[in-house]
Amino acid sequence: MVGHKSNLFGTGIQKYDLHAVQVMGANIELWQYKTYENGILNIEEVYKRTTSTSNQDTEELVGKIQLWLKQVKKQH
């Protein structure tokens, strides 16, 4: 698909995950996140193969991850 971008995120990204994304050659971003007891959320970009990523795109992704984490915490 032209113009489509996938954002994948997780807590335990391994070298095999990174290799798989690199081999696919698709328009994919791979992010890793970690939450700390004091509520701090650290988000690290692990891999990016896109034509361009704006700050707005990154901010939207961070917002989506934060919302997802809140939903996960409510379920546990």
PDB file of N, CA and C in Angstrom:
ATOM      1  N   MET A   1       0.835  -1.180   0.000  1.00  0.00           N
ATOM      2  CA  MET A   1       0.000   0.000   0.000  1.00  0.00           C
ATOM      3  C   MET A   1       0.879   1.243   0.000  1.00  0.00           C
ATOM      4  N   VAL A   2       0.662   2.102  -0.900  1.00  0.00           N
ATOM      5  CA  VAL A   2       1.417   3.342  -0.967  1.00  0.00           C
ATOM      6  C   VAL A   2       0.891   4.310   0.079  1.00  0.00           C
ATOM      7  N   GLY A   3       1.802   4.931   0.814  1.00  0.00           N
ATOM      8  CA  GLY A   3       1.404   5.932   1.788  1.00  0.00           C
ATOM      9  C   GLY A   3       0.969   5.370   3.129  1.00  0.00           C
ATOM     10  N   HIS A   4       0.934   4.075   3.284  1.00  0.00           N
ATOM     11  CA  HIS A   4       0.510   3.469   4.541  1.00  0.00           C
ATOM     12  C   HIS A   4       1.729   3.234   5.423  1.00  0.00           C
ATOM     13  N   LYS A   5       1.594   3.549   6.704  1.00  0.00           N
ATOM     14  CA  LYS A   5       2.681   3.345   7.644  1.00  0.00           C
ATOM     15  C   LYS A   5       2.168   2.536   8.816  1.00  0.00           C
ATOM     16  N   SER A   6       2.969   1.586   9.270  1.00  0.00           N
ATOM     17  CA  SER A   6       2.623   0.783  10.435  1.00  0.00           C
ATOM     18  C   SER A   6       3.557   1.142  11.578  1.00  0.00           C
ATOM     19  N   ASN A   7       2.993   1.290  12.772  1.00  0.00           N
ATOM     20  CA  ASN A   7       3.757   1.531  13.977  1.00  0.00           C
ATOM     21  C   ASN A   7       3.605   0.314  14.874  1.00  0.00           C
ATOM     22  N   LEU A   8       4.706  -0.334  15.178  1.00  0.00           N
ATOM     23  CA  LEU A   8       4.693  -1.494  16.057  1.00  0.00           C
ATOM     24  C   LEU A   8       5.419  -1.112  17.328  1.00  0.00           C
ATOM     25  N   PHE A   9       4.839  -1.463  18.473  1.00  0.00           N
ATOM     26  CA  PHE A   9       5.513  -1.136  19.724  1.00  0.00           C
ATOM     27  C   PHE A   9       5.379  -2.266  20.719  1.00  0.00           C
ATOM     28  N   GLY A  10       6.370  -2.364  21.595  1.00  0.00           N
ATOM     29  CA  GLY A  10       6.369  -3.423  22.585  1.00  0.00           C
ATOM     30  C   GLY A  10       7.380  -3.135  23.672  1.00  0.00           C
ATOM     31  N   THR A  11       7.412  -4.003  24.654  1.00  0.00           N
ATOM     32  CA  THR A  11       8.306  -3.800  25.787  1.00  0.00           C
ATOM     33  C   THR A  11       9.590  -4.610  25.682  1.00  0.00           C
ATOM     34  N   GLY A  12       9.588  -5.681  24.956  1.00  0.00           N
ATOM     35  CA  GLY A  12      10.767  -6.550  24.909  1.00  0.00           C
ATOM     36  C   GLY A  12      11.203  -6.837  23.487  1.00  0.00           C
ATOM     37  N   ILE A  13      11.498  -5.818  22.716  1.00  0.00           N
ATOM     38  CA  ILE A  13      11.897  -6.017  21.333  1.00  0.00           C
ATOM     39  C   ILE A  13      13.282  -6.648  21.291  1.00  0.00           C
ATOM     40  N   GLN A  14      13.390  -7.723  20.527  1.00  0.00           N
ATOM     41  CA  GLN A  14      14.649  -8.451  20.437  1.00  0.00           C
ATOM     42  C   GLN A  14      15.243  -8.297  19.039  1.00  0.00           C
ATOM     43  N   LYS A  15      16.459  -8.761  18.880  1.00  0.00           N
ATOM     44  CA  LYS A  15      17.141  -8.618  17.595  1.00  0.00           C
ATOM     45  C   LYS A  15      16.393  -9.351  16.479  1.00  0.00           C
ATOM     46  N   TYR A  16      15.664 -10.407  16.818  1.00  0.00           N
ATOM     47  CA  TYR A  16      14.901 -11.153  15.816  1.00  0.00           C
ATOM     48  C   TYR A  16      13.726 -10.319  15.300  1.00  0.00           C
ATOM     49  N   ASP A  17      13.096  -9.575  16.204  1.00  0.00           N
ATOM     50  CA  ASP A  17      12.002  -8.680  15.806  1.00  0.00           C
ATOM     51  C   ASP A  17      12.517  -7.603  14.860  1.00  0.00           C
ATOM     52  N   LEU A  18      13.640  -7.000  15.233  1.00  0.00           N
ATOM     53  CA  LEU A  18      14.241  -5.948  14.416  1.00  0.00           C
ATOM     54  C   LEU A  18      14.626  -6.496  13.046  1.00  0.00           C
ATOM     55  N   HIS A  19      15.227  -7.662  13.018  1.00  0.00           N
ATOM     56  CA  HIS A  19      15.627  -8.266  11.745  1.00  0.00           C
ATOM     57  C   HIS A  19      14.413  -8.525  10.853  1.00  0.00           C
ATOM     58  N   ALA A  20      13.346  -9.042  11.428  1.00  0.00           N
ATOM     59  CA  ALA A  20      12.132  -9.323  10.647  1.00  0.00           C
ATOM     60  C   ALA A  20      11.575  -8.048  10.015  1.00  0.00           C
ATOM     61  N   VAL A  21      11.556  -6.973  10.774  1.00  0.00           N
ATOM     62  CA  VAL A  21      11.042  -5.702  10.258  1.00  0.00           C
ATOM     63  C   VAL A  21      11.954  -5.181   9.148  1.00  0.00           C
ATOM     64  N   GLN A  22      13.250  -5.310   9.324  1.00  0.00           N
ATOM     65  CA  GLN A  22      14.198  -4.842   8.310  1.00  0.00           C
ATOM     66  C   GLN A  22      14.057  -5.643   7.013  1.00  0.00           C
ATOM     67  N   VAL A  23      13.848  -6.950   7.133  1.00  0.00           N
ATOM     68  CA  VAL A  23      13.721  -7.805   5.954  1.00  0.00           C
ATOM     69  C   VAL A  23      12.438  -7.489   5.188  1.00  0.00           C
ATOM     70  N   MET A  24      11.372  -7.154   5.903  1.00  0.00           N
ATOM     71  CA  MET A  24      10.099  -6.845   5.242  1.00  0.00           C
ATOM     72  C   MET A  24      10.234  -5.676   4.293  1.00  0.00           C
ATOM     73  N   GLY A  25      11.043  -4.703   4.656  1.00  0.00           N
ATOM     74  CA  GLY A  25      11.246  -3.551   3.792  1.00  0.00           C
ATOM     75  C   GLY A  25      10.032  -2.663   3.645  1.00  0.00           C
ATOM     76  N   ALA A  26       9.060  -2.834   4.487  1.00  0.00           N
ATOM     77  CA  ALA A  26       7.837  -2.043   4.403  1.00  0.00           C
ATOM     78  C   ALA A  26       8.009  -0.707   5.132  1.00  0.00           C
ATOM     79  N   ASN A  27       7.019   0.115   5.058  1.00  0.00           N
ATOM     80  CA  ASN A  27       7.010   1.422   5.710  1.00  0.00           C
ATOM     81  C   ASN A  27       6.602   1.219   7.173  1.00  0.00           C
ATOM     82  N   ILE A  28       7.542   0.781   7.991  1.00  0.00           N
ATOM     83  CA  ILE A  28       7.262   0.367   9.365  1.00  0.00           C
ATOM     84  C   ILE A  28       8.155   1.121  10.338  1.00  0.00           C
ATOM     85  N   GLU A  29       7.578   1.483  11.476  1.00  0.00           N
ATOM     86  CA  GLU A  29       8.349   2.022  12.586  1.00  0.00           C
ATOM     87  C   GLU A  29       8.226   1.062  13.757  1.00  0.00           C
ATOM     88  N   LEU A  30       9.334   0.809  14.421  1.00  0.00           N
ATOM     89  CA  LEU A  30       9.378  -0.106  15.556  1.00  0.00           C
ATOM     90  C   LEU A  30       9.801   0.696  16.781  1.00  0.00           C
ATOM     91  N   TRP A  31       8.963   0.681  17.818  1.00  0.00           N
ATOM     92  CA  TRP A  31       9.181   1.463  19.030  1.00  0.00           C
ATOM     93  C   TRP A  31       9.194   0.537  20.235  1.00  0.00           C
ATOM     94  N   GLN A  32       9.974   0.898  21.225  1.00  0.00           N
ATOM     95  CA  GLN A  32      10.022   0.152  22.479  1.00  0.00           C
ATOM     96  C   GLN A  32       9.677   1.111  23.610  1.00  0.00           C
ATOM     97  N   TYR A  33       8.860   0.639  24.538  1.00  0.00           N
ATOM     98  CA  TYR A  33       8.500   1.510  25.655  1.00  0.00           C
ATOM     99  C   TYR A  33       8.761   0.815  26.985  1.00  0.00           C
ATOM    100  N   LYS A  34       8.961   1.634  27.999  1.00  0.00           N
ATOM    101  CA  LYS A  34       9.146   1.120  29.351  1.00  0.00           C
ATOM    102  C   LYS A  34       8.454   2.076  30.303  1.00  0.00           C
ATOM    103  N   THR A  35       7.698   1.517  31.238  1.00  0.00           N
ATOM    104  CA  THR A  35       7.066   2.342  32.268  1.00  0.00           C
ATOM    105  C   THR A  35       7.790   2.115  33.587  1.00  0.00           C
ATOM    106  N   TYR A  36       7.879   3.182  34.354  1.00  0.00           N
ATOM    107  CA  TYR A  36       8.552   3.133  35.648  1.00  0.00           C
ATOM    108  C   TYR A  36       7.528   3.307  36.764  1.00  0.00           C
ATOM    109  N   GLU A  37       7.879   2.883  37.963  1.00  0.00           N
ATOM    110  CA  GLU A  37       6.956   2.945  39.099  1.00  0.00           C
ATOM    111  C   GLU A  37       6.454   4.348  39.383  1.00  0.00           C
ATOM    112  N   ASN A  38       7.264   5.360  39.093  1.00  0.00           N
ATOM    113  CA  ASN A  38       6.856   6.735  39.369  1.00  0.00           C
ATOM    114  C   ASN A  38       5.972   7.319  38.258  1.00  0.00           C
ATOM    115  N   GLY A  39       5.556   6.481  37.303  1.00  0.00           N
ATOM    116  CA  GLY A  39       4.633   6.917  36.264  1.00  0.00           C
ATOM    117  C   GLY A  39       5.296   7.448  35.004  1.00  0.00           C
ATOM    118  N   ILE A  40       6.609   7.477  34.973  1.00  0.00           N
ATOM    119  CA  ILE A  40       7.304   7.960  33.782  1.00  0.00           C
ATOM    120  C   ILE A  40       7.229   6.902  32.687  1.00  0.00           C
ATOM    121  N   LEU A  41       6.951   7.364  31.491  1.00  0.00           N
ATOM    122  CA  LEU A  41       6.878   6.507  30.319  1.00  0.00           C
ATOM    123  C   LEU A  41       8.035   6.874  29.401  1.00  0.00           C
ATOM    124  N   ASN A  42       8.926   5.931  29.129  1.00  0.00           N
ATOM    125  CA  ASN A  42      10.048   6.151  28.220  1.00  0.00           C
ATOM    126  C   ASN A  42       9.742   5.438  26.913  1.00  0.00           C
ATOM    127  N   ILE A  43       9.782   6.184  25.812  1.00  0.00           N
ATOM    128  CA  ILE A  43       9.519   5.613  24.494  1.00  0.00           C
ATOM    129  C   ILE A  43      10.754   5.829  23.636  1.00  0.00           C
ATOM    130  N   GLU A  44      11.239   4.736  23.058  1.00  0.00           N
ATOM    131  CA  GLU A  44      12.467   4.786  22.256  1.00  0.00           C
ATOM    132  C   GLU A  44      12.172   4.258  20.859  1.00  0.00           C
ATOM    133  N   GLU A  45      12.577   5.014  19.863  1.00  0.00           N
ATOM    134  CA  GLU A  45      12.441   4.559  18.490  1.00  0.00           C
ATOM    135  C   GLU A  45      13.569   3.569  18.206  1.00  0.00           C
ATOM    136  N   VAL A  46      13.200   2.339  17.829  1.00  0.00           N
ATOM    137  CA  VAL A  46      14.187   1.301  17.582  1.00  0.00           C
ATOM    138  C   VAL A  46      14.542   1.229  16.100  1.00  0.00           C
ATOM    139  N   TYR A  47      13.545   1.398  15.243  1.00  0.00           N
ATOM    140  CA  TYR A  47      13.772   1.289  13.805  1.00  0.00           C
ATOM    141  C   TYR A  47      12.746   2.133  13.069  1.00  0.00           C
ATOM    142  N   LYS A  48      13.219   2.813  12.026  1.00  0.00           N
ATOM    143  CA  LYS A  48      12.293   3.610  11.213  1.00  0.00           C
ATOM    144  C   LYS A  48      12.659   3.452   9.749  1.00  0.00           C
ATOM    145  N   ARG A  49      11.712   3.041   8.976  1.00  0.00           N
ATOM    146  CA  ARG A  49      11.878   3.008   7.525  1.00  0.00           C
ATOM    147  C   ARG A  49      10.673   3.716   6.939  1.00  0.00           C
ATOM    148  N   THR A  50      10.738   5.000   6.917  1.00  0.00           N
ATOM    149  CA  THR A  50       9.659   5.812   6.367  1.00  0.00           C
ATOM    150  C   THR A  50      10.263   6.908   5.507  1.00  0.00           C
ATOM    151  N   THR A  51       9.436   7.480   4.693  1.00  0.00           N
ATOM    152  CA  THR A  51       9.908   8.589   3.870  1.00  0.00           C
ATOM    153  C   THR A  51      10.087   9.841   4.717  1.00  0.00           C
ATOM    154  N   SER A  52       9.198  10.049   5.673  1.00  0.00           N
ATOM    155  CA  SER A  52       9.360  11.167   6.600  1.00  0.00           C
ATOM    156  C   SER A  52       8.424  10.972   7.785  1.00  0.00           C
ATOM    157  N   THR A  53       8.880  11.383   8.938  1.00  0.00           N
ATOM    158  CA  THR A  53       8.073  11.334  10.148  1.00  0.00           C
ATOM    159  C   THR A  53       8.120  12.713  10.776  1.00  0.00           C
ATOM    160  N   SER A  54       6.977  13.323  10.904  1.00  0.00           N
ATOM    161  CA  SER A  54       6.936  14.657  11.493  1.00  0.00           C
ATOM    162  C   SER A  54       6.818  14.551  13.005  1.00  0.00           C
ATOM    163  N   ASN A  55       7.082  15.654  13.677  1.00  0.00           N
ATOM    164  CA  ASN A  55       6.901  15.689  15.126  1.00  0.00           C
ATOM    165  C   ASN A  55       5.447  15.404  15.487  1.00  0.00           C
ATOM    166  N   GLN A  56       4.530  15.867  14.659  1.00  0.00           N
ATOM    167  CA  GLN A  56       3.110  15.625  14.922  1.00  0.00           C
ATOM    168  C   GLN A  56       2.807  14.131  14.866  1.00  0.00           C
ATOM    169  N   ASP A  57       3.374  13.418  13.889  1.00  0.00           N
ATOM    170  CA  ASP A  57       3.178  11.963  13.805  1.00  0.00           C
ATOM    171  C   ASP A  57       3.690  11.281  15.065  1.00  0.00           C
ATOM    172  N   THR A  58       4.871  11.702  15.522  1.00  0.00           N
ATOM    173  CA  THR A  58       5.466  11.112  16.723  1.00  0.00           C
ATOM    174  C   THR A  58       4.607  11.399  17.940  1.00  0.00           C
ATOM    175  N   GLU A  59       4.123  12.627  18.076  1.00  0.00           N
ATOM    176  CA  GLU A  59       3.273  13.000  19.213  1.00  0.00           C
ATOM    177  C   GLU A  59       1.972  12.213  19.196  1.00  0.00           C
ATOM    178  N   GLU A  60       1.397  12.000  18.027  1.00  0.00           N
ATOM    179  CA  GLU A  60       0.170  11.207  17.922  1.00  0.00           C
ATOM    180  C   GLU A  60       0.425   9.767  18.346  1.00  0.00           C
ATOM    181  N   LEU A  61       1.555   9.207  17.939  1.00  0.00           N
ATOM    182  CA  LEU A  61       1.891   7.838  18.320  1.00  0.00           C
ATOM    183  C   LEU A  61       2.079   7.727  19.826  1.00  0.00           C
ATOM    184  N   VAL A  62       2.786   8.662  20.425  1.00  0.00           N
ATOM    185  CA  VAL A  62       3.001   8.651  21.872  1.00  0.00           C
ATOM    186  C   VAL A  62       1.655   8.728  22.585  1.00  0.00           C
ATOM    187  N   GLY A  63       0.751   9.568  22.118  1.00  0.00           N
ATOM    188  CA  GLY A  63      -0.579   9.667  22.709  1.00  0.00           C
ATOM    189  C   GLY A  63      -1.345   8.351  22.624  1.00  0.00           C
ATOM    190  N   LYS A  64      -1.247   7.675  21.492  1.00  0.00           N
ATOM    191  CA  LYS A  64      -1.921   6.380  21.319  1.00  0.00           C
ATOM    192  C   LYS A  64      -1.344   5.337  22.274  1.00  0.00           C
ATOM    193  N   ILE A  65      -0.027   5.331  22.429  1.00  0.00           N
ATOM    194  CA  ILE A  65       0.610   4.375  23.336  1.00  0.00           C
ATOM    195  C   ILE A  65       0.175   4.643  24.773  1.00  0.00           C
ATOM    196  N   GLN A  66       0.142   5.913  25.162  1.00  0.00           N
ATOM    197  CA  GLN A  66      -0.270   6.256  26.523  1.00  0.00           C
ATOM    198  C   GLN A  66      -1.705   5.833  26.779  1.00  0.00           C
ATOM    199  N   LEU A  67      -2.592   6.051  25.827  1.00  0.00           N
ATOM    200  CA  LEU A  67      -3.987   5.639  25.967  1.00  0.00           C
ATOM    201  C   LEU A  67      -4.080   4.118  26.079  1.00  0.00           C
ATOM    202  N   TRP A  68      -3.346   3.398  25.248  1.00  0.00           N
ATOM    203  CA  TRP A  68      -3.355   1.940  25.284  1.00  0.00           C
ATOM    204  C   TRP A  68      -2.870   1.436  26.638  1.00  0.00           C
ATOM    205  N   LEU A  69      -1.800   2.041  27.175  1.00  0.00           N
ATOM    206  CA  LEU A  69      -1.284   1.613  28.467  1.00  0.00           C
ATOM    207  C   LEU A  69      -2.302   1.837  29.583  1.00  0.00           C
ATOM    208  N   LYS A  70      -3.034   2.940  29.541  1.00  0.00           N
ATOM    209  CA  LYS A  70      -4.087   3.191  30.536  1.00  0.00           C
ATOM    210  C   LYS A  70      -5.162   2.110  30.465  1.00  0.00           C
ATOM    211  N   GLN A  71      -5.525   1.719  29.249  1.00  0.00           N
ATOM    212  CA  GLN A  71      -6.545   0.683  29.087  1.00  0.00           C
ATOM    213  C   GLN A  71      -6.048  -0.658  29.615  1.00  0.00           C
ATOM    214  N   VAL A  72      -4.788  -0.970  29.370  1.00  0.00           N
ATOM    215  CA  VAL A  72      -4.211  -2.223  29.860  1.00  0.00           C
ATOM    216  C   VAL A  72      -4.186  -2.241  31.379  1.00  0.00           C
ATOM    217  N   LYS A  73      -3.801  -1.132  31.990  1.00  0.00           N
ATOM    218  CA  LYS A  73      -3.747  -1.047  33.448  1.00  0.00           C
ATOM    219  C   LYS A  73      -5.127  -1.231  34.064  1.00  0.00           C
ATOM    220  N   LYS A  74      -6.179  -0.721  33.430  1.00  0.00           N
ATOM    221  CA  LYS A  74      -7.543  -0.863  33.932  1.00  0.00           C
ATOM    222  C   LYS A  74      -7.981  -2.331  33.932  1.00  0.00           C
ATOM    223  N   GLN A  75      -7.484  -3.089  32.948  1.00  0.00           N
ATOM    224  CA  GLN A  75      -7.866  -4.503  32.823  1.00  0.00           C
ATOM    225  C   GLN A  75      -7.180  -5.378  33.874  1.00  0.00           C
ATOM    226  N   HIS A  76      -6.076  -4.918  34.420  1.00  0.00           N
ATOM    227  CA  HIS A  76      -5.317  -5.745  35.387  1.00  0.00           C
ATOM    228  C   HIS A  76      -5.605  -5.305  36.754  1.00  0.00           C
TER     229      HIS A  76
END
